[in-house]
PDB file of N, CA and C in Angstrom:
ATOM      1  N   MET A   1    -164.405 -15.344 -28.335  1.00  0.00           N
ATOM      2  CA  MET A   1    -164.783 -13.995 -28.579  1.00  0.00           C
ATOM      3  C   MET A   1    -165.937 -13.580 -27.709  1.00  0.00           C
ATOM      4  N   SER A   2    -166.807 -14.511 -27.490  1.00  0.00           N
ATOM      5  CA  SER A   2    -167.970 -14.243 -26.676  1.00  0.00           C
ATOM      6  C   SER A   2    -167.563 -13.907 -25.257  1.00  0.00           C
ATOM      7  N   LYS A   3    -166.530 -14.580 -24.767  1.00  0.00           N
ATOM      8  CA  LYS A   3    -166.069 -14.292 -23.407  1.00  0.00           C
ATOM      9  C   LYS A   3    -165.500 -12.880 -23.320  1.00  0.00           C
ATOM     10  N   ASN A   4    -164.765 -12.484 -24.356  1.00  0.00           N
ATOM     11  CA  ASN A   4    -164.171 -11.145 -24.358  1.00  0.00           C
ATOM     12  C   ASN A   4    -165.251 -10.069 -24.423  1.00  0.00           C
ATOM     13  N   SER A   5    -166.233 -10.265 -25.294  1.00  0.00           N
ATOM     14  CA  SER A   5    -167.293  -9.270 -25.418  1.00  0.00           C
ATOM     15  C   SER A   5    -168.141  -9.227 -24.151  1.00  0.00           C
ATOM     16  N   ASP A   6    -168.356 -10.371 -23.528  1.00  0.00           N
ATOM     17  CA  ASP A   6    -169.090 -10.401 -22.269  1.00  0.00           C
ATOM     18  C   ASP A   6    -168.300  -9.662 -21.180  1.00  0.00           C
ATOM     19  N   PHE A   7    -166.995  -9.887 -21.161  1.00  0.00           N
ATOM     20  CA  PHE A   7    -166.159  -9.222 -20.165  1.00  0.00           C
ATOM     21  C   PHE A   7    -166.182  -7.709 -20.366  1.00  0.00           C
ATOM     22  N   ILE A   8    -166.030  -7.269 -21.623  1.00  0.00           N
ATOM     23  CA  ILE A   8    -166.038  -5.827 -21.925  1.00  0.00           C
ATOM     24  C   ILE A   8    -167.403  -5.238 -21.609  1.00  0.00           C
ATOM     25  N   GLY A   9    -168.443  -5.927 -21.983  1.00  0.00           N
ATOM     26  CA  GLY A   9    -169.802  -5.443 -21.674  1.00  0.00           C
ATOM     27  C   GLY A   9    -169.996  -5.327 -20.178  1.00  0.00           C
ATOM     28  N   GLY A  10    -169.562  -6.329 -19.431  1.00  0.00           N
ATOM     29  CA  GLY A  10    -169.692  -6.290 -17.967  1.00  0.00           C
ATOM     30  C   GLY A  10    -168.843  -5.173 -17.377  1.00  0.00           C
ATOM     31  N   PHE A  11    -167.689  -4.954 -17.952  1.00  0.00           N
ATOM     32  CA  PHE A  11    -166.812  -3.900 -17.468  1.00  0.00           C
ATOM     33  C   PHE A  11    -167.458  -2.533 -17.676  1.00  0.00           C
ATOM     34  N   ILE A  12    -168.051  -2.334 -18.860  1.00  0.00           N
ATOM     35  CA  ILE A  12    -168.718  -1.053 -19.159  1.00  0.00           C
ATOM     36  C   ILE A  12    -169.933  -0.860 -18.266  1.00  0.00           C
ATOM     37  N   ILE A  13    -170.736  -1.881 -18.123  1.00  0.00           N
ATOM     38  CA  ILE A  13    -171.927  -1.776 -17.268  1.00  0.00           C
ATOM     39  C   ILE A  13    -171.517  -1.535 -15.824  1.00  0.00           C
ATOM     40  N   GLY A  14    -170.490  -2.220 -15.365  1.00  0.00           N
ATOM     41  CA  GLY A  14    -170.013  -2.023 -13.991  1.00  0.00           C
ATOM     42  C   GLY A  14    -169.499  -0.608 -13.786  1.00  0.00           C
ATOM     43  N   GLY A  15    -168.816  -0.093 -14.789  1.00  0.00           N
ATOM     44  CA  GLY A  15    -168.315   1.287 -14.712  1.00  0.00           C
ATOM     45  C   GLY A  15    -169.455   2.281 -14.648  1.00  0.00           C
ATOM     46  N   LEU A  16    -170.467   2.071 -15.488  1.00  0.00           N
ATOM     47  CA  LEU A  16    -171.628   2.970 -15.480  1.00  0.00           C
ATOM     48  C   LEU A  16    -172.356   2.911 -14.141  1.00  0.00           C
ATOM     49  N   ILE A  17    -172.533   1.710 -13.624  1.00  0.00           N
ATOM     50  CA  ILE A  17    -173.213   1.562 -12.332  1.00  0.00           C
ATOM     51  C   ILE A  17    -172.394   2.258 -11.248  1.00  0.00           C
ATOM     52  N   GLY A  18    -171.062   2.094 -11.281  1.00  0.00           N
ATOM     53  CA  GLY A  18    -170.193   2.746 -10.298  1.00  0.00           C
ATOM     54  C   GLY A  18    -170.280   4.263 -10.398  1.00  0.00           C
ATOM     55  N   ALA A  19    -170.367   4.758 -11.636  1.00  0.00           N
ATOM     56  CA  ALA A  19    -170.455   6.208 -11.825  1.00  0.00           C
ATOM     57  C   ALA A  19    -171.788   6.728 -11.294  1.00  0.00           C
ATOM     58  N   VAL A  20    -172.839   6.012 -11.573  1.00  0.00           N
ATOM     59  CA  VAL A  20    -174.163   6.431 -11.089  1.00  0.00           C
ATOM     60  C   VAL A  20    -174.192   6.413  -9.564  1.00  0.00           C
ATOM     61  N   ILE A  21    -173.675   5.361  -8.960  1.00  0.00           N
ATOM     62  CA  ILE A  21    -173.651   5.272  -7.498  1.00  0.00           C
ATOM     63  C   ILE A  21    -172.796   6.396  -6.919  1.00  0.00           C
ATOM     64  N   GLY A  22    -171.647   6.675  -7.583  1.00  0.00           N
ATOM     65  CA  GLY A  22    -170.775   7.760  -7.124  1.00  0.00           C
ATOM     66  C   GLY A  22    -171.491   9.098  -7.161  1.00  0.00           C
ATOM     67  N   ILE A  23    -172.244   9.340  -8.232  1.00  0.00           N
ATOM     68  CA  ILE A  23    -172.974  10.608  -8.349  1.00  0.00           C
ATOM     69  C   ILE A  23    -174.084  10.679  -7.311  1.00  0.00           C
ATOM     70  N   LEU A  24    -174.809   9.552  -7.122  1.00  0.00           N
ATOM     71  CA  LEU A  24    -175.903   9.546  -6.152  1.00  0.00           C
ATOM     72  C   LEU A  24    -175.403   9.745  -4.727  1.00  0.00           C
ATOM     73  N   TYR A  25    -174.248   9.215  -4.408  1.00  0.00           N
ATOM     74  CA  TYR A  25    -173.744   9.311  -3.043  1.00  0.00           C
ATOM     75  C   TYR A  25    -172.692  10.412  -2.853  1.00  0.00           C
ATOM     76  N   ALA A  26    -172.460  11.203  -3.875  1.00  0.00           N
ATOM     77  CA  ALA A  26    -171.476  12.288  -3.760  1.00  0.00           C
ATOM     78  C   ALA A  26    -171.984  13.291  -2.728  1.00  0.00           C
ATOM     79  N   PRO A  27    -171.090  13.789  -1.855  1.00  0.00           N
ATOM     80  CA  PRO A  27    -171.517  14.720  -0.819  1.00  0.00           C
ATOM     81  C   PRO A  27    -171.889  16.094  -1.363  1.00  0.00           C
ATOM     82  N   LYS A  28    -171.439  16.419  -2.586  1.00  0.00           N
ATOM     83  CA  LYS A  28    -171.755  17.727  -3.156  1.00  0.00           C
ATOM     84  C   LYS A  28    -172.304  17.531  -4.548  1.00  0.00           C
ATOM     85  N   SER A  29    -173.005  18.565  -4.989  1.00  0.00           N
ATOM     86  CA  SER A  29    -173.521  18.493  -6.351  1.00  0.00           C
ATOM     87  C   SER A  29    -172.387  18.800  -7.324  1.00  0.00           C
ATOM     88  N   GLY A  30    -172.608  18.540  -8.568  1.00  0.00           N
ATOM     89  CA  GLY A  30    -171.602  18.824  -9.598  1.00  0.00           C
ATOM     90  C   GLY A  30    -171.267  20.296  -9.642  1.00  0.00           C
ATOM     91  N   LYS A  31    -172.297  21.123  -9.456  1.00  0.00           N
ATOM     92  CA  LYS A  31    -172.080  22.574  -9.485  1.00  0.00           C
ATOM     93  C   LYS A  31    -171.182  22.983  -8.318  1.00  0.00           C
ATOM     94  N   GLU A  32    -171.472  22.416  -7.142  1.00  0.00           N
ATOM     95  CA  GLU A  32    -170.648  22.742  -5.971  1.00  0.00           C
ATOM     96  C   GLU A  32    -169.221  22.255  -6.167  1.00  0.00           C
ATOM     97  N   THR A  33    -169.073  21.089  -6.736  1.00  0.00           N
ATOM     98  CA  THR A  33    -167.736  20.541  -6.989  1.00  0.00           C
ATOM     99  C   THR A  33    -166.975  21.427  -7.968  1.00  0.00           C
ATOM    100  N   ARG A  34    -167.637  21.871  -9.038  1.00  0.00           N
ATOM    101  CA  ARG A  34    -166.995  22.766 -10.007  1.00  0.00           C
ATOM    102  C   ARG A  34    -166.607  24.087  -9.347  1.00  0.00           C
ATOM    103  N   GLU A  35    -167.497  24.583  -8.470  1.00  0.00           N
ATOM    104  CA  GLU A  35    -167.185  25.834  -7.772  1.00  0.00           C
ATOM    105  C   GLU A  35    -165.970  25.652  -6.853  1.00  0.00           C
ATOM    106  N   ASP A  36    -165.913  24.519  -6.170  1.00  0.00           N
ATOM    107  CA  ASP A  36    -164.751  24.239  -5.307  1.00  0.00           C
ATOM    108  C   ASP A  36    -163.465  24.167  -6.129  1.00  0.00           C
ATOM    109  N   ILE A  37    -163.564  23.478  -7.266  1.00  0.00           N
ATOM    110  CA  ILE A  37    -162.385  23.372  -8.140  1.00  0.00           C
ATOM    111  C   ILE A  37    -161.961  24.752  -8.630  1.00  0.00           C
ATOM    112  N   ALA A  38    -162.927  25.568  -9.051  1.00  0.00           N
ATOM    113  CA  ALA A  38    -162.613  26.921  -9.531  1.00  0.00           C
ATOM    114  C   ALA A  38    -162.006  27.755  -8.410  1.00  0.00           C
ATOM    115  N   ARG A  39    -162.547  27.641  -7.198  1.00  0.00           N
ATOM    116  CA  ARG A  39    -162.044  28.408  -6.055  1.00  0.00           C
ATOM    117  C   ARG A  39    -160.603  27.984  -5.731  1.00  0.00           C
ATOM    118  N   LYS A  40    -160.374  26.681  -5.715  1.00  0.00           N
ATOM    119  CA  LYS A  40    -159.026  26.179  -5.449  1.00  0.00           C
ATOM    120  C   LYS A  40    -158.057  26.624  -6.540  1.00  0.00           C
ATOM    121  N   ALA A  41    -158.517  26.607  -7.787  1.00  0.00           N
ATOM    122  CA  ALA A  41    -157.663  27.059  -8.891  1.00  0.00           C
ATOM    123  C   ALA A  41    -157.317  28.530  -8.718  1.00  0.00           C
ATOM    124  N   ASP A  42    -158.314  29.342  -8.321  1.00  0.00           N
ATOM    125  CA  ASP A  42    -158.054  30.764  -8.074  1.00  0.00           C
ATOM    126  C   ASP A  42    -157.071  30.952  -6.915  1.00  0.00           C
ATOM    127  N   GLU A  43    -157.255  30.177  -5.851  1.00  0.00           N
ATOM    128  CA  GLU A  43    -156.335  30.267  -4.709  1.00  0.00           C
ATOM    129  C   GLU A  43    -154.911  29.917  -5.129  1.00  0.00           C
ATOM    130  N   LEU A  44    -154.786  28.842  -5.901  1.00  0.00           N
ATOM    131  CA  LEU A  44    -153.460  28.448  -6.373  1.00  0.00           C
ATOM    132  C   LEU A  44    -152.859  29.503  -7.290  1.00  0.00           C
ATOM    133  N   LEU A  45    -153.678  30.090  -8.155  1.00  0.00           N
ATOM    134  CA  LEU A  45    -153.202  31.140  -9.053  1.00  0.00           C
ATOM    135  C   LEU A  45    -152.747  32.349  -8.246  1.00  0.00           C
ATOM    136  N   ASN A  46    -153.546  32.747  -7.256  1.00  0.00           N
ATOM    137  CA  ASN A  46    -153.168  33.893  -6.421  1.00  0.00           C
ATOM    138  C   ASN A  46    -151.881  33.619  -5.650  1.00  0.00           C
ATOM    139  N   LYS A  47    -151.760  32.397  -5.130  1.00  0.00           N
ATOM    140  CA  LYS A  47    -150.553  32.040  -4.396  1.00  0.00           C
ATOM    141  C   LYS A  47    -149.346  32.051  -5.336  1.00  0.00           C
ATOM    142  N   ALA A  48    -149.536  31.546  -6.538  1.00  0.00           N
ATOM    143  CA  ALA A  48    -148.443  31.552  -7.524  1.00  0.00           C
ATOM    144  C   ALA A  48    -148.041  32.986  -7.854  1.00  0.00           C
ATOM    145  N   LYS A  49    -149.035  33.880  -8.004  1.00  0.00           N
ATOM    146  CA  LYS A  49    -148.729  35.290  -8.275  1.00  0.00           C
ATOM    147  C   LYS A  49    -147.963  35.909  -7.114  1.00  0.00           C
ATOM    148  N   GLU A  50    -148.392  35.626  -5.886  1.00  0.00           N
ATOM    149  CA  GLU A  50    -147.699  36.164  -4.709  1.00  0.00           C
ATOM    150  C   GLU A  50    -146.258  35.666  -4.653  1.00  0.00           C
ATOM    151  N   GLU A  51    -146.074  34.381  -4.902  1.00  0.00           N
ATOM    152  CA  GLU A  51    -144.720  33.810  -4.895  1.00  0.00           C
ATOM    153  C   GLU A  51    -143.867  34.440  -5.989  1.00  0.00           C
ATOM    154  N   TYR A  52    -144.467  34.655  -7.145  1.00  0.00           N
ATOM    155  CA  TYR A  52    -143.753  35.279  -8.250  1.00  0.00           C
ATOM    156  C   TYR A  52    -143.343  36.702  -7.878  1.00  0.00           C
ATOM    157  N   GLU A  53    -144.287  37.459  -7.315  1.00  0.00           N
ATOM    158  CA  GLU A  53    -143.986  38.839  -6.919  1.00  0.00           C
ATOM    159  C   GLU A  53    -142.915  38.869  -5.832  1.00  0.00           C
ATOM    160  N   LEU A  54    -142.979  37.936  -4.906  1.00  0.00           N
ATOM    161  CA  LEU A  54    -141.957  37.846  -3.860  1.00  0.00           C
ATOM    162  C   LEU A  54    -140.586  37.541  -4.472  1.00  0.00           C
ATOM    163  N   ALA A  55    -140.563  36.625  -5.408  1.00  0.00           N
ATOM    164  CA  ALA A  55    -139.299  36.286  -6.080  1.00  0.00           C
ATOM    165  C   ALA A  55    -138.761  37.478  -6.865  1.00  0.00           C
ATOM    166  N   VAL A  56    -139.647  38.200  -7.533  1.00  0.00           N
ATOM    167  CA  VAL A  56    -139.229  39.397  -8.278  1.00  0.00           C
ATOM    168  C   VAL A  56    -138.670  40.438  -7.316  1.00  0.00           C
ATOM    169  N   GLU A  57    -139.337  40.635  -6.188  1.00  0.00           N
ATOM    170  CA  GLU A  57    -138.879  41.615  -5.197  1.00  0.00           C
ATOM    171  C   GLU A  57    -137.507  41.216  -4.641  1.00  0.00           C
ATOM    172  N   LYS A  58    -137.342  39.946  -4.328  1.00  0.00           N
ATOM    173  CA  LYS A  58    -136.038  39.475  -3.839  1.00  0.00           C
ATOM    174  C   LYS A  58    -134.965  39.672  -4.897  1.00  0.00           C
ATOM    175  N   SER A  59    -135.316  39.394  -6.143  1.00  0.00           N
ATOM    176  CA  SER A  59    -134.362  39.568  -7.232  1.00  0.00           C
ATOM    177  C   SER A  59    -133.976  41.037  -7.378  1.00  0.00           C
ATOM    178  N   LYS A  60    -134.962  41.932  -7.269  1.00  0.00           N
ATOM    179  CA  LYS A  60    -134.671  43.369  -7.356  1.00  0.00           C
ATOM    180  C   LYS A  60    -133.743  43.794  -6.233  1.00  0.00           C
ATOM    181  N   LYS A  61    -134.024  43.326  -5.018  1.00  0.00           N
ATOM    182  CA  LYS A  61    -133.179  43.688  -3.885  1.00  0.00           C
ATOM    183  C   LYS A  61    -131.762  43.169  -4.070  1.00  0.00           C
ATOM    184  N   ALA A  62    -131.643  41.941  -4.532  1.00  0.00           N
ATOM    185  CA  ALA A  62    -130.317  41.365  -4.765  1.00  0.00           C
ATOM    186  C   ALA A  62    -129.588  42.140  -5.861  1.00  0.00           C
ATOM    187  N   TYR A  63    -130.310  42.497  -6.911  1.00  0.00           N
ATOM    188  CA  TYR A  63    -129.718  43.275  -8.005  1.00  0.00           C
ATOM    189  C   TYR A  63    -129.250  44.629  -7.503  1.00  0.00           C
ATOM    190  N   GLU A  64    -130.108  45.323  -6.744  1.00  0.00           N
ATOM    191  CA  GLU A  64    -129.754  46.643  -6.224  1.00  0.00           C
ATOM    192  C   GLU A  64    -128.562  46.556  -5.272  1.00  0.00           C
ATOM    193  N   ALA A  65    -128.534  45.533  -4.434  1.00  0.00           N
ATOM    194  CA  ALA A  65    -127.405  45.356  -3.514  1.00  0.00           C
ATOM    195  C   ALA A  65    -126.121  45.094  -4.301  1.00  0.00           C
ATOM    196  N   THR A  66    -126.212  44.302  -5.351  1.00  0.00           N
ATOM    197  CA  THR A  66    -125.047  44.008  -6.178  1.00  0.00           C
ATOM    198  C   THR A  66    -124.553  45.267  -6.878  1.00  0.00           C
ATOM    199  N   VAL A  67    -125.471  46.048  -7.425  1.00  0.00           N
ATOM    200  CA  VAL A  67    -125.086  47.294  -8.092  1.00  0.00           C
ATOM    201  C   VAL A  67    -124.436  48.250  -7.098  1.00  0.00           C
ATOM    202  N   ALA A  68    -125.005  48.371  -5.909  1.00  0.00           N
ATOM    203  CA  ALA A  68    -124.429  49.249  -4.883  1.00  0.00           C
ATOM    204  C   ALA A  68    -123.027  48.780  -4.507  1.00  0.00           C
ATOM    205  N   ARG A  69    -122.853  47.484  -4.349  1.00  0.00           N
ATOM    206  CA  ARG A  69    -121.531  46.938  -3.999  1.00  0.00           C
ATOM    207  C   ARG A  69    -120.529  47.197  -5.116  1.00  0.00           C
ATOM    208  N   LEU A  70    -120.964  47.013  -6.356  1.00  0.00           N
ATOM    209  CA  LEU A  70    -120.071  47.264  -7.493  1.00  0.00           C
ATOM    210  C   LEU A  70    -119.679  48.735  -7.572  1.00  0.00           C
ATOM    211  N   LYS A  71    -120.626  49.629  -7.307  1.00  0.00           N
ATOM    212  CA  LYS A  71    -120.309  51.063  -7.299  1.00  0.00           C
ATOM    213  C   LYS A  71    -119.313  51.376  -6.199  1.00  0.00           C
ATOM    214  N   SER A  72    -119.503  50.776  -5.045  1.00  0.00           N
ATOM    215  CA  SER A  72    -118.581  50.974  -3.930  1.00  0.00           C
ATOM    216  C   SER A  72    -117.187  50.478  -4.306  1.00  0.00           C
ATOM    217  N   LEU A  73    -117.114  49.308  -4.904  1.00  0.00           N
ATOM    218  CA  LEU A  73    -115.824  48.761  -5.331  1.00  0.00           C
ATOM    219  C   LEU A  73    -115.177  49.630  -6.405  1.00  0.00           C
ATOM    220  N   GLU A  74    -116.000  50.152  -7.288  1.00  0.00           N
ATOM    221  CA  GLU A  74    -115.482  51.034  -8.334  1.00  0.00           C
ATOM    222  C   GLU A  74    -114.892  52.294  -7.718  1.00  0.00           C
ATOM    223  N   GLU A  75    -115.589  52.870  -6.761  1.00  0.00           N
ATOM    224  CA  GLU A  75    -115.101  54.076  -6.082  1.00  0.00           C
ATOM    225  C   GLU A  75    -113.801  53.786  -5.343  1.00  0.00           C
ATOM    226  N   THR A  76    -113.748  52.660  -4.662  1.00  0.00           N
ATOM    227  CA  THR A  76    -112.527  52.271  -3.947  1.00  0.00           C
ATOM    228  C   THR A  76    -111.373  52.094  -4.934  1.00  0.00           C
ATOM    229  N   ALA A  77    -111.650  51.458  -6.058  1.00  0.00           N
ATOM    230  CA  ALA A  77    -110.615  51.250  -7.069  1.00  0.00           C
ATOM    231  C   ALA A  77    -110.116  52.586  -7.616  1.00  0.00           C
ATOM    232  N   LYS A  78    -111.037  53.512  -7.865  1.00  0.00           N
ATOM    233  CA  LYS A  78    -110.641  54.838  -8.351  1.00  0.00           C
ATOM    234  C   LYS A  78    -109.751  55.541  -7.331  1.00  0.00           C
ATOM    235  N   GLU A  79    -110.131  55.457  -6.057  1.00  0.00           N
ATOM    236  CA  GLU A  79    -109.327  56.089  -5.007  1.00  0.00           C
ATOM    237  C   GLU A  79    -107.926  55.484  -4.964  1.00  0.00           C
ATOM    238  N   LYS A  80    -107.845  54.173  -5.095  1.00  0.00           N
ATOM    239  CA  LYS A  80    -106.539  53.510  -5.057  1.00  0.00           C
ATOM    240  C   LYS A  80    -105.702  53.884  -6.278  1.00  0.00           C
ATOM    241  N   VAL A  81    -106.328  54.000  -7.435  1.00  0.00           N
ATOM    242  CA  VAL A  81    -105.608  54.411  -8.640  1.00  0.00           C
ATOM    243  C   VAL A  81    -105.079  55.824  -8.468  1.00  0.00           C
ATOM    244  N   GLU A  82    -105.929  56.721  -7.933  1.00  0.00           N
ATOM    245  CA  GLU A  82    -105.491  58.098  -7.703  1.00  0.00           C
ATOM    246  C   GLU A  82    -104.327  58.136  -6.717  1.00  0.00           C
ATOM    247  N   ALA A  83    -104.405  57.338  -5.666  1.00  0.00           N
ATOM    248  CA  ALA A  83    -103.322  57.287  -4.680  1.00  0.00           C
ATOM    249  C   ALA A  83    -102.042  56.752  -5.324  1.00  0.00           C
ATOM    250  N   ALA A  84    -102.178  55.734  -6.153  1.00  0.00           N
ATOM    251  CA  ALA A  84    -101.009  55.168  -6.830  1.00  0.00           C
ATOM    252  C   ALA A  84    -100.401  56.186  -7.788  1.00  0.00           C
ATOM    253  N   GLU A  85    -101.230  56.919  -8.503  1.00  0.00           N
ATOM    254  CA  GLU A  85    -100.735  57.955  -9.409  1.00  0.00           C
ATOM    255  C   GLU A  85    -100.001  59.047  -8.631  1.00  0.00           C
ATOM    256  N   GLU A  86    -100.569  59.428  -7.493  1.00  0.00           N
ATOM    257  CA  GLU A  86     -99.928  60.446  -6.647  1.00  0.00           C
ATOM    258  C   GLU A  86     -98.580  59.947  -6.142  1.00  0.00           C
ATOM    259  N   LEU A  87     -98.530  58.698  -5.688  1.00  0.00           N
ATOM    260  CA  LEU A  87     -97.261  58.122  -5.221  1.00  0.00           C
ATOM    261  C   LEU A  87     -96.245  58.052  -6.364  1.00  0.00           C
ATOM    262  N   ALA A  88     -96.694  57.690  -7.537  1.00  0.00           N
ATOM    263  CA  ALA A  88     -95.797  57.622  -8.694  1.00  0.00           C
ATOM    264  C   ALA A  88     -95.244  59.009  -9.003  1.00  0.00           C
ATOM    265  N   GLU A  89     -96.098  60.020  -8.930  1.00  0.00           N
ATOM    266  CA  GLU A  89     -95.661  61.397  -9.191  1.00  0.00           C
ATOM    267  C   GLU A  89     -94.653  61.844  -8.136  1.00  0.00           C
ATOM    268  N   ARG A  90     -94.943  61.526  -6.876  1.00  0.00           N
ATOM    269  CA  ARG A  90     -93.991  61.870  -5.799  1.00  0.00           C
ATOM    270  C   ARG A  90     -92.663  61.146  -6.008  1.00  0.00           C
ATOM    271  N   GLY A  91     -92.742  59.885  -6.376  1.00  0.00           N
ATOM    272  CA  GLY A  91     -91.520  59.115  -6.630  1.00  0.00           C
ATOM    273  C   GLY A  91     -90.720  59.723  -7.778  1.00  0.00           C
ATOM    274  N   LYS A  92     -91.428  60.129  -8.818  1.00  0.00           N
ATOM    275  CA  LYS A  92     -90.768  60.749  -9.954  1.00  0.00           C
ATOM    276  C   LYS A  92     -90.074  62.048  -9.528  1.00  0.00           C
ATOM    277  N   GLU A  93     -90.789  62.860  -8.724  1.00  0.00           N
ATOM    278  CA  GLU A  93     -90.206  64.116  -8.225  1.00  0.00           C
ATOM    279  C   GLU A  93     -89.004  63.834  -7.327  1.00  0.00           C
ATOM    280  N   SER A  94     -89.132  62.830  -6.456  1.00  0.00           N
ATOM    281  CA  SER A  94     -88.020  62.488  -5.561  1.00  0.00           C
ATOM    282  C   SER A  94     -86.822  62.002  -6.362  1.00  0.00           C
ATOM    283  N   LEU A  95     -87.076  61.220  -7.376  1.00  0.00           N
ATOM    284  CA  LEU A  95     -85.988  60.737  -8.226  1.00  0.00           C
ATOM    285  C   LEU A  95     -85.308  61.895  -8.935  1.00  0.00           C
ATOM    286  N   GLN A  96     -86.127  62.803  -9.436  1.00  0.00           N
ATOM    287  CA  GLN A  96     -85.565  63.976 -10.122  1.00  0.00           C
ATOM    288  C   GLN A  96     -84.736  64.820  -9.148  1.00  0.00           C
ATOM    289  N   ASP A  97     -85.277  65.022  -7.932  1.00  0.00           N
ATOM    290  CA  ASP A  97     -84.527  65.772  -6.912  1.00  0.00           C
ATOM    291  C   ASP A  97     -83.220  65.057  -6.580  1.00  0.00           C
ATOM    292  N   GLY A  98     -83.295  63.750  -6.438  1.00  0.00           N
ATOM    293  CA  GLY A  98     -82.096  62.967  -6.139  1.00  0.00           C
ATOM    294  C   GLY A  98     -81.060  63.081  -7.249  1.00  0.00           C
ATOM    295  N   LYS A  99     -81.533  63.026  -8.490  1.00  0.00           N
ATOM    296  CA  LYS A  99     -80.614  63.160  -9.623  1.00  0.00           C
ATOM    297  C   LYS A  99     -79.959  64.534  -9.625  1.00  0.00           C
ATOM    298  N   THR A 100     -80.757  65.555  -9.344  1.00  0.00           N
ATOM    299  CA  THR A 100     -80.222  66.920  -9.314  1.00  0.00           C
ATOM    300  C   THR A 100     -79.181  67.061  -8.216  1.00  0.00           C
ATOM    301  N   ARG A 101     -79.490  66.532  -7.021  1.00  0.00           N
ATOM    302  CA  ARG A 101     -78.537  66.622  -5.912  1.00  0.00           C
ATOM    303  C   ARG A 101     -77.276  65.818  -6.208  1.00  0.00           C
ATOM    304  N   LEU A 102     -77.446  64.647  -6.801  1.00  0.00           N
ATOM    305  CA  LEU A 102     -76.282  63.828  -7.149  1.00  0.00           C
ATOM    306  C   LEU A 102     -75.422  64.550  -8.173  1.00  0.00           C
ATOM    307  N   LYS A 103     -76.072  65.147  -9.161  1.00  0.00           N
ATOM    308  CA  LYS A 103     -75.337  65.887 -10.181  1.00  0.00           C
ATOM    309  C   LYS A 103     -74.556  67.032  -9.549  1.00  0.00           C
ATOM    310  N   LYS A 104     -75.221  67.772  -8.631  1.00  0.00           N
ATOM    311  CA  LYS A 104     -74.549  68.882  -7.951  1.00  0.00           C
ATOM    312  C   LYS A 104     -73.403  68.360  -7.090  1.00  0.00           C
ATOM    313  N   ALA A 105     -73.620  67.216  -6.421  1.00  0.00           N
ATOM    314  CA  ALA A 105     -72.574  66.641  -5.572  1.00  0.00           C
ATOM    315  C   ALA A 105     -71.386  66.209  -6.423  1.00  0.00           C
ATOM    316  N   ILE A 106     -71.655  65.601  -7.566  1.00  0.00           N
ATOM    317  CA  ILE A 106     -70.568  65.180  -8.465  1.00  0.00           C
ATOM    318  C   ILE A 106     -69.809  66.402  -8.972  1.00  0.00           C
ATOM    319  N   GLU A 107     -70.566  67.425  -9.360  1.00  0.00           N
ATOM    320  CA  GLU A 107     -69.929  68.663  -9.836  1.00  0.00           C
ATOM    321  C   GLU A 107     -69.076  69.284  -8.729  1.00  0.00           C
ATOM    322  N   ALA A 108     -69.620  69.272  -7.495  1.00  0.00           N
ATOM    323  CA  ALA A 108     -68.852  69.825  -6.379  1.00  0.00           C
ATOM    324  C   ALA A 108     -67.611  68.977  -6.117  1.00  0.00           C
ATOM    325  N   GLY A 109     -67.741  67.665  -6.219  1.00  0.00           N
ATOM    326  CA  GLY A 109     -66.603  66.766  -6.040  1.00  0.00           C
ATOM    327  C   GLY A 109     -65.541  66.992  -7.098  1.00  0.00           C
ATOM    328  N   VAL A 110     -65.967  67.141  -8.318  1.00  0.00           N
ATOM    329  CA  VAL A 110     -65.033  67.394  -9.419  1.00  0.00           C
ATOM    330  C   VAL A 110     -64.336  68.732  -9.200  1.00  0.00           C
ATOM    331  N   GLU A 111     -65.119  69.716  -8.807  1.00  0.00           N
ATOM    332  CA  GLU A 111     -64.563  71.055  -8.550  1.00  0.00           C
ATOM    333  C   GLU A 111     -63.561  70.989  -7.405  1.00  0.00           C
ATOM    334  N   ALA A 112     -63.889  70.280  -6.346  1.00  0.00           N
ATOM    335  CA  ALA A 112     -62.971  70.148  -5.213  1.00  0.00           C
ATOM    336  C   ALA A 112     -61.713  69.403  -5.644  1.00  0.00           C
ATOM    337  N   PHE A 113     -61.873  68.375  -6.460  1.00  0.00           N
ATOM    338  CA  PHE A 113     -60.719  67.622  -6.955  1.00  0.00           C
ATOM    339  C   PHE A 113     -59.802  68.525  -7.773  1.00  0.00           C
ATOM    340  N   LYS A 114     -60.415  69.346  -8.650  1.00  0.00           N
ATOM    341  CA  LYS A 114     -59.635  70.258  -9.476  1.00  0.00           C
ATOM    342  C   LYS A 114     -58.893  71.269  -8.616  1.00  0.00           C
ATOM    343  N   GLU A 115     -59.588  71.762  -7.572  1.00  0.00           N
ATOM    344  CA  GLU A 115     -58.948  72.745  -6.683  1.00  0.00           C
ATOM    345  C   GLU A 115     -57.785  72.099  -5.934  1.00  0.00           C
ATOM    346  N   GLU A 116     -57.945  70.882  -5.499  1.00  0.00           N
ATOM    347  CA  GLU A 116     -56.869  70.182  -4.796  1.00  0.00           C
ATOM    348  C   GLU A 116     -55.682  69.933  -5.733  1.00  0.00           C
ATOM    349  N   GLN A 117     -55.952  69.640  -6.951  1.00  0.00           N
ATOM    350  CA  GLN A 117     -54.883  69.407  -7.924  1.00  0.00           C
ATOM    351  C   GLN A 117     -54.131  70.712  -8.213  1.00  0.00           C
ATOM    352  N   ASN A 118     -54.919  71.804  -8.288  1.00  0.00           N
ATOM    353  CA  ASN A 118     -54.314  73.111  -8.560  1.00  0.00           C
ATOM    354  C   ASN A 118     -53.454  73.529  -7.368  1.00  0.00           C
ATOM    355  N   LYS A 119     -53.867  73.202  -6.154  1.00  0.00           N
ATOM    356  CA  LYS A 119     -53.071  73.523  -4.959  1.00  0.00           C
ATOM    357  C   LYS A 119     -51.797  72.700  -4.929  1.00  0.00           C
ATOM    358  N   ALA A 120     -51.880  71.472  -5.395  1.00  0.00           N
ATOM    359  CA  ALA A 120     -50.734  70.574  -5.349  1.00  0.00           C
ATOM    360  C   ALA A 120     -49.711  70.958  -6.409  1.00  0.00           C
ATOM    361  N   VAL A 121     -50.062  71.600  -7.418  1.00  0.00           N
ATOM    362  CA  VAL A 121     -49.138  71.934  -8.509  1.00  0.00           C
ATOM    363  C   VAL A 121     -48.405  73.173  -8.219  1.00  0.00           C
TER     364      VAL A 121
END
């Protein structure tokens, strides 16, 4: 036990002596060291704020670009839907015209057939 307590005592005394020597030979005073630490902390905080603001700005730009692209795509889609509706309407009209002409042609054919039969009788 005596060896352990001697070792711990020597370790504590050695640590204290090292701390005293470190303080005596430190190139700056404690106040200067604290000021340097505070200044560095402020610099890091300012840099972090700048990086954050830059990231926010980039995010805003990306968001705005995405919204603009989506609006453009929406407009294009609307134009294509309108064009498709117009084509469908034209197709419907063409089909109706075709049906009308076919009906008239059939009626004319039937009429011609009847006239030919009447001539033959």
